[in-house]
Amino acid sequence: MVEPTNPALSIGKQCRLLSISRSSFYYTPKGETALNLMLMGQIDEQFLETPFFGVRQMTWHLRNEGHLVNEKRIRRLMRLMGLMPIYQKPNIPLPGNTCLHV
């Protein structure tokens, strides 16, 4: 969209025309650190064995493996990976809904 080599329009003018800030044009995302990628690999490996592990149990498991991690980091990584634990959800009947057993 923005052409840095355009002699007629400066980068600032092009960014204003597109309604984006100049800093967002220059921004390059850093990505995950090597430690986070290693943790994600271990989370994935453990999650395949125990798909019912949530954030707390996964944090406990990684701490037992010798990693200094907290729940906030594990929650972010599991959300980034799209992992949701499998657990039985409550079966609460709603008013007005009747279950007919045949």
N, C-alpha and C. Protein backbone atom coordinates (compact mmCIF):
# COMPACT_ATOMS: atom_id res chain seq x y z
N MET A 1 0.81 -1.19 0.00
CA MET A 1 0.00 0.00 0.00
C MET A 1 0.86 1.26 0.00
N VAL A 2 1.75 1.38 0.97
CA VAL A 2 2.62 2.54 1.04
C VAL A 2 3.86 2.24 0.21
N GLU A 3 4.19 3.15 -0.70
CA GLU A 3 5.37 2.99 -1.55
C GLU A 3 6.45 3.94 -1.06
N PRO A 4 7.48 3.42 -0.38
CA PRO A 4 8.53 4.30 0.16
C PRO A 4 9.33 5.02 -0.93
N THR A 5 9.38 4.47 -2.13
CA THR A 5 10.19 5.08 -3.19
C THR A 5 9.41 6.05 -4.07
N ASN A 6 8.17 6.32 -3.75
CA ASN A 6 7.36 7.24 -4.54
C ASN A 6 7.88 8.67 -4.38
N PRO A 7 8.34 9.31 -5.48
CA PRO A 7 8.89 10.66 -5.35
C PRO A 7 7.82 11.74 -5.19
N ALA A 8 6.59 11.46 -5.62
CA ALA A 8 5.54 12.48 -5.56
C ALA A 8 4.93 12.61 -4.17
N LEU A 9 4.80 11.49 -3.46
CA LEU A 9 4.18 11.51 -2.13
C LEU A 9 5.16 10.98 -1.09
N SER A 10 5.33 11.72 -0.03
CA SER A 10 6.20 11.24 1.06
C SER A 10 5.49 10.14 1.83
N ILE A 11 6.24 9.42 2.63
CA ILE A 11 5.67 8.33 3.43
C ILE A 11 4.62 8.89 4.39
N GLY A 12 4.90 10.04 4.99
CA GLY A 12 3.94 10.66 5.91
C GLY A 12 2.62 10.99 5.23
N LYS A 13 2.67 11.54 4.01
CA LYS A 13 1.44 11.88 3.28
C LYS A 13 0.68 10.62 2.90
N GLN A 14 1.41 9.59 2.47
CA GLN A 14 0.75 8.32 2.12
C GLN A 14 0.06 7.70 3.33
N CYS A 15 0.71 7.77 4.48
CA CYS A 15 0.11 7.21 5.70
C CYS A 15 -1.13 8.00 6.08
N ARG A 16 -1.09 9.34 5.94
CA ARG A 16 -2.27 10.15 6.25
C ARG A 16 -3.42 9.82 5.30
N LEU A 17 -3.13 9.60 4.03
CA LEU A 17 -4.17 9.24 3.06
C LEU A 17 -4.81 7.90 3.39
N LEU A 18 -4.01 6.99 3.93
CA LEU A 18 -4.53 5.67 4.30
C LEU A 18 -5.08 5.62 5.72
N SER A 19 -4.97 6.73 6.44
CA SER A 19 -5.46 6.85 7.82
C SER A 19 -4.74 5.87 8.76
N ILE A 20 -3.44 5.74 8.57
CA ILE A 20 -2.63 4.95 9.51
C ILE A 20 -1.51 5.84 10.03
N SER A 21 -1.03 5.53 11.20
CA SER A 21 0.08 6.31 11.75
C SER A 21 1.39 5.86 11.10
N ARG A 22 2.33 6.79 11.04
CA ARG A 22 3.62 6.48 10.45
C ARG A 22 4.36 5.42 11.25
N SER A 23 4.19 5.45 12.57
CA SER A 23 4.88 4.46 13.40
C SER A 23 4.38 3.04 13.12
N SER A 24 3.09 2.90 12.79
CA SER A 24 2.59 1.55 12.47
C SER A 24 3.14 1.07 11.13
N PHE A 25 3.49 2.00 10.23
CA PHE A 25 4.12 1.61 8.97
C PHE A 25 5.52 1.04 9.22
N TYR A 26 6.26 1.65 10.14
CA TYR A 26 7.62 1.21 10.42
C TYR A 26 7.70 0.04 11.40
N TYR A 27 6.58 -0.28 12.08
CA TYR A 27 6.59 -1.32 13.11
C TYR A 27 6.79 -2.70 12.49
N THR A 28 7.70 -3.47 13.07
CA THR A 28 7.87 -4.88 12.68
C THR A 28 7.72 -5.72 13.95
N PRO A 29 6.79 -6.68 13.96
CA PRO A 29 6.60 -7.49 15.16
C PRO A 29 7.84 -8.33 15.47
N LYS A 30 8.09 -8.52 16.75
CA LYS A 30 9.28 -9.25 17.19
C LYS A 30 9.10 -10.76 17.14
N GLY A 31 7.91 -11.24 17.41
CA GLY A 31 7.71 -12.69 17.47
C GLY A 31 7.99 -13.20 18.88
N GLU A 32 7.94 -14.50 19.04
CA GLU A 32 8.14 -15.12 20.35
C GLU A 32 9.63 -15.40 20.58
N THR A 33 10.00 -15.39 21.85
CA THR A 33 11.38 -15.68 22.21
C THR A 33 11.63 -17.19 22.10
N ALA A 34 12.89 -17.55 22.11
CA ALA A 34 13.26 -18.97 22.02
C ALA A 34 12.74 -19.74 23.23
N LEU A 35 12.75 -19.09 24.41
CA LEU A 35 12.24 -19.74 25.62
C LEU A 35 10.74 -20.00 25.50
N ASN A 36 9.99 -19.01 25.00
CA ASN A 36 8.55 -19.21 24.83
C ASN A 36 8.25 -20.30 23.80
N LEU A 37 9.04 -20.36 22.74
CA LEU A 37 8.83 -21.41 21.74
C LEU A 37 9.11 -22.79 22.32
N MET A 38 10.13 -22.88 23.17
CA MET A 38 10.43 -24.16 23.82
C MET A 38 9.30 -24.54 24.79
N LEU A 39 8.80 -23.54 25.53
CA LEU A 39 7.68 -23.81 26.44
C LEU A 39 6.44 -24.24 25.67
N MET A 40 6.19 -23.62 24.53
CA MET A 40 5.03 -23.98 23.72
C MET A 40 5.15 -25.42 23.23
N GLY A 41 6.36 -25.84 22.90
CA GLY A 41 6.57 -27.23 22.48
C GLY A 41 6.28 -28.20 23.61
N GLN A 42 6.72 -27.86 24.83
CA GLN A 42 6.45 -28.73 25.97
C GLN A 42 4.97 -28.73 26.34
N ILE A 43 4.32 -27.55 26.23
CA ILE A 43 2.88 -27.48 26.50
C ILE A 43 2.14 -28.37 25.51
N ASP A 44 2.50 -28.28 24.25
CA ASP A 44 1.85 -29.08 23.21
C ASP A 44 2.04 -30.56 23.46
N GLU A 45 3.25 -30.95 23.80
CA GLU A 45 3.56 -32.36 24.08
C GLU A 45 2.74 -32.88 25.26
N GLN A 46 2.68 -32.09 26.34
CA GLN A 46 1.94 -32.51 27.53
C GLN A 46 0.44 -32.50 27.26
N PHE A 47 -0.03 -31.53 26.48
CA PHE A 47 -1.46 -31.41 26.20
C PHE A 47 -1.96 -32.60 25.38
N LEU A 48 -1.10 -33.16 24.52
CA LEU A 48 -1.49 -34.35 23.77
C LEU A 48 -1.69 -35.54 24.69
N GLU A 49 -0.89 -35.62 25.77
CA GLU A 49 -1.03 -36.71 26.73
C GLU A 49 -2.21 -36.48 27.67
N THR A 50 -2.38 -35.24 28.12
CA THR A 50 -3.42 -34.91 29.10
C THR A 50 -4.22 -33.71 28.61
N PRO A 51 -5.21 -33.93 27.73
CA PRO A 51 -5.97 -32.81 27.17
C PRO A 51 -6.89 -32.12 28.17
N PHE A 52 -6.96 -32.64 29.39
CA PHE A 52 -7.81 -32.03 30.40
C PHE A 52 -7.02 -31.05 31.28
N PHE A 53 -5.72 -30.90 31.03
CA PHE A 53 -4.92 -29.96 31.80
C PHE A 53 -5.28 -28.53 31.38
N GLY A 54 -5.67 -27.75 32.35
CA GLY A 54 -5.92 -26.33 32.13
C GLY A 54 -4.66 -25.53 32.43
N VAL A 55 -4.84 -24.24 32.61
CA VAL A 55 -3.70 -23.36 32.85
C VAL A 55 -3.01 -23.69 34.16
N ARG A 56 -3.79 -23.91 35.22
CA ARG A 56 -3.20 -24.17 36.53
C ARG A 56 -2.42 -25.47 36.56
N GLN A 57 -3.01 -26.53 36.02
CA GLN A 57 -2.32 -27.82 36.02
C GLN A 57 -1.10 -27.80 35.10
N MET A 58 -1.20 -27.08 33.97
CA MET A 58 -0.05 -27.00 33.06
C MET A 58 1.07 -26.21 33.70
N THR A 59 0.73 -25.15 34.43
CA THR A 59 1.74 -24.37 35.15
C THR A 59 2.42 -25.23 36.20
N TRP A 60 1.62 -25.99 36.94
CA TRP A 60 2.14 -26.88 37.97
C TRP A 60 3.09 -27.91 37.34
N HIS A 61 2.68 -28.48 36.21
CA HIS A 61 3.51 -29.48 35.52
C HIS A 61 4.85 -28.87 35.08
N LEU A 62 4.81 -27.68 34.48
CA LEU A 62 6.04 -27.06 33.99
C LEU A 62 6.95 -26.64 35.14
N ARG A 63 6.36 -26.24 36.26
CA ARG A 63 7.18 -25.92 37.43
C ARG A 63 7.87 -27.15 37.97
N ASN A 64 7.17 -28.29 37.94
CA ASN A 64 7.78 -29.55 38.38
C ASN A 64 8.91 -29.98 37.44
N GLU A 65 8.84 -29.55 36.18
CA GLU A 65 9.90 -29.85 35.21
C GLU A 65 11.09 -28.91 35.39
N GLY A 66 10.96 -27.90 36.26
CA GLY A 66 12.09 -27.02 36.55
C GLY A 66 12.03 -25.66 35.87
N HIS A 67 10.90 -25.30 35.28
CA HIS A 67 10.77 -24.01 34.61
C HIS A 67 10.15 -22.98 35.56
N LEU A 68 10.69 -21.78 35.54
CA LEU A 68 10.13 -20.70 36.36
C LEU A 68 9.09 -19.96 35.53
N VAL A 69 7.84 -20.41 35.63
CA VAL A 69 6.75 -19.81 34.85
C VAL A 69 5.60 -19.46 35.79
N ASN A 70 4.76 -18.53 35.35
CA ASN A 70 3.57 -18.21 36.12
C ASN A 70 2.33 -18.46 35.26
N GLU A 71 1.18 -18.40 35.89
CA GLU A 71 -0.07 -18.73 35.20
C GLU A 71 -0.36 -17.76 34.06
N LYS A 72 0.00 -16.50 34.26
CA LYS A 72 -0.28 -15.49 33.24
C LYS A 72 0.43 -15.82 31.92
N ARG A 73 1.67 -16.25 32.00
CA ARG A 73 2.43 -16.60 30.81
C ARG A 73 1.86 -17.84 30.13
N ILE A 74 1.54 -18.85 30.93
CA ILE A 74 1.00 -20.09 30.37
C ILE A 74 -0.37 -19.84 29.76
N ARG A 75 -1.19 -19.02 30.39
CA ARG A 75 -2.51 -18.68 29.84
C ARG A 75 -2.36 -18.00 28.48
N ARG A 76 -1.41 -17.07 28.37
CA ARG A 76 -1.19 -16.37 27.11
C ARG A 76 -0.71 -17.33 26.03
N LEU A 77 0.22 -18.22 26.38
CA LEU A 77 0.75 -19.16 25.39
C LEU A 77 -0.30 -20.18 24.96
N MET A 78 -1.10 -20.67 25.90
CA MET A 78 -2.14 -21.63 25.55
C MET A 78 -3.21 -20.96 24.68
N ARG A 79 -3.53 -19.72 24.96
CA ARG A 79 -4.50 -18.99 24.15
C ARG A 79 -3.93 -18.76 22.75
N LEU A 80 -2.64 -18.44 22.67
CA LEU A 80 -1.98 -18.22 21.39
C LEU A 80 -1.98 -19.51 20.56
N MET A 81 -1.82 -20.65 21.23
CA MET A 81 -1.81 -21.94 20.55
C MET A 81 -3.22 -22.45 20.26
N GLY A 82 -4.22 -21.83 20.86
CA GLY A 82 -5.61 -22.26 20.64
C GLY A 82 -5.98 -23.51 21.42
N LEU A 83 -5.34 -23.73 22.56
CA LEU A 83 -5.61 -24.93 23.35
C LEU A 83 -6.67 -24.64 24.40
N MET A 84 -7.68 -25.48 24.43
CA MET A 84 -8.74 -25.40 25.44
C MET A 84 -8.86 -26.77 26.08
N PRO A 85 -8.83 -26.85 27.40
CA PRO A 85 -8.93 -28.16 28.04
C PRO A 85 -10.30 -28.78 27.84
N ILE A 86 -10.32 -30.10 27.86
CA ILE A 86 -11.57 -30.84 27.75
C ILE A 86 -12.07 -31.13 29.16
N TYR A 87 -13.24 -30.67 29.48
CA TYR A 87 -13.82 -30.93 30.79
C TYR A 87 -15.33 -30.98 30.66
N GLN A 88 -15.96 -31.60 31.62
CA GLN A 88 -17.41 -31.72 31.59
C GLN A 88 -18.02 -30.39 32.02
N LYS A 89 -18.87 -29.87 31.16
CA LYS A 89 -19.52 -28.60 31.43
C LYS A 89 -20.81 -28.86 32.20
N PRO A 90 -21.25 -27.89 33.00
CA PRO A 90 -22.47 -28.11 33.77
C PRO A 90 -23.69 -28.23 32.87
N ASN A 91 -24.61 -29.10 33.25
CA ASN A 91 -25.84 -29.30 32.50
C ASN A 91 -26.97 -28.68 33.32
N ILE A 92 -27.16 -27.40 33.14
CA ILE A 92 -28.16 -26.67 33.92
C ILE A 92 -29.40 -26.48 33.05
N PRO A 93 -30.52 -27.05 33.47
CA PRO A 93 -31.73 -26.87 32.67
C PRO A 93 -32.24 -25.43 32.76
N LEU A 94 -32.64 -24.87 31.63
CA LEU A 94 -33.16 -23.52 31.59
C LEU A 94 -34.66 -23.54 31.85
N PRO A 95 -35.20 -22.50 32.48
CA PRO A 95 -36.63 -22.46 32.71
C PRO A 95 -37.40 -22.46 31.39
N GLY A 96 -38.44 -23.23 31.32
CA GLY A 96 -39.24 -23.32 30.12
C GLY A 96 -38.83 -24.44 29.19
N ASN A 97 -37.63 -24.91 29.34
CA ASN A 97 -37.16 -26.02 28.52
C ASN A 97 -37.40 -27.33 29.27
N THR A 98 -38.10 -28.21 28.64
CA THR A 98 -38.34 -29.52 29.27
C THR A 98 -37.63 -30.57 28.45
N CYS A 99 -37.01 -31.48 29.13
CA CYS A 99 -36.34 -32.57 28.47
C CYS A 99 -37.30 -33.75 28.41
N LEU A 100 -37.55 -34.22 27.23
CA LEU A 100 -38.43 -35.36 27.06
C LEU A 100 -37.57 -36.59 26.86
N HIS A 101 -37.71 -37.54 27.73
CA HIS A 101 -36.96 -38.78 27.62
C HIS A 101 -37.85 -39.81 26.94
N VAL A 102 -37.36 -40.39 25.90
CA VAL A 102 -38.15 -41.37 25.14
C VAL A 102 -37.70 -42.75 25.50
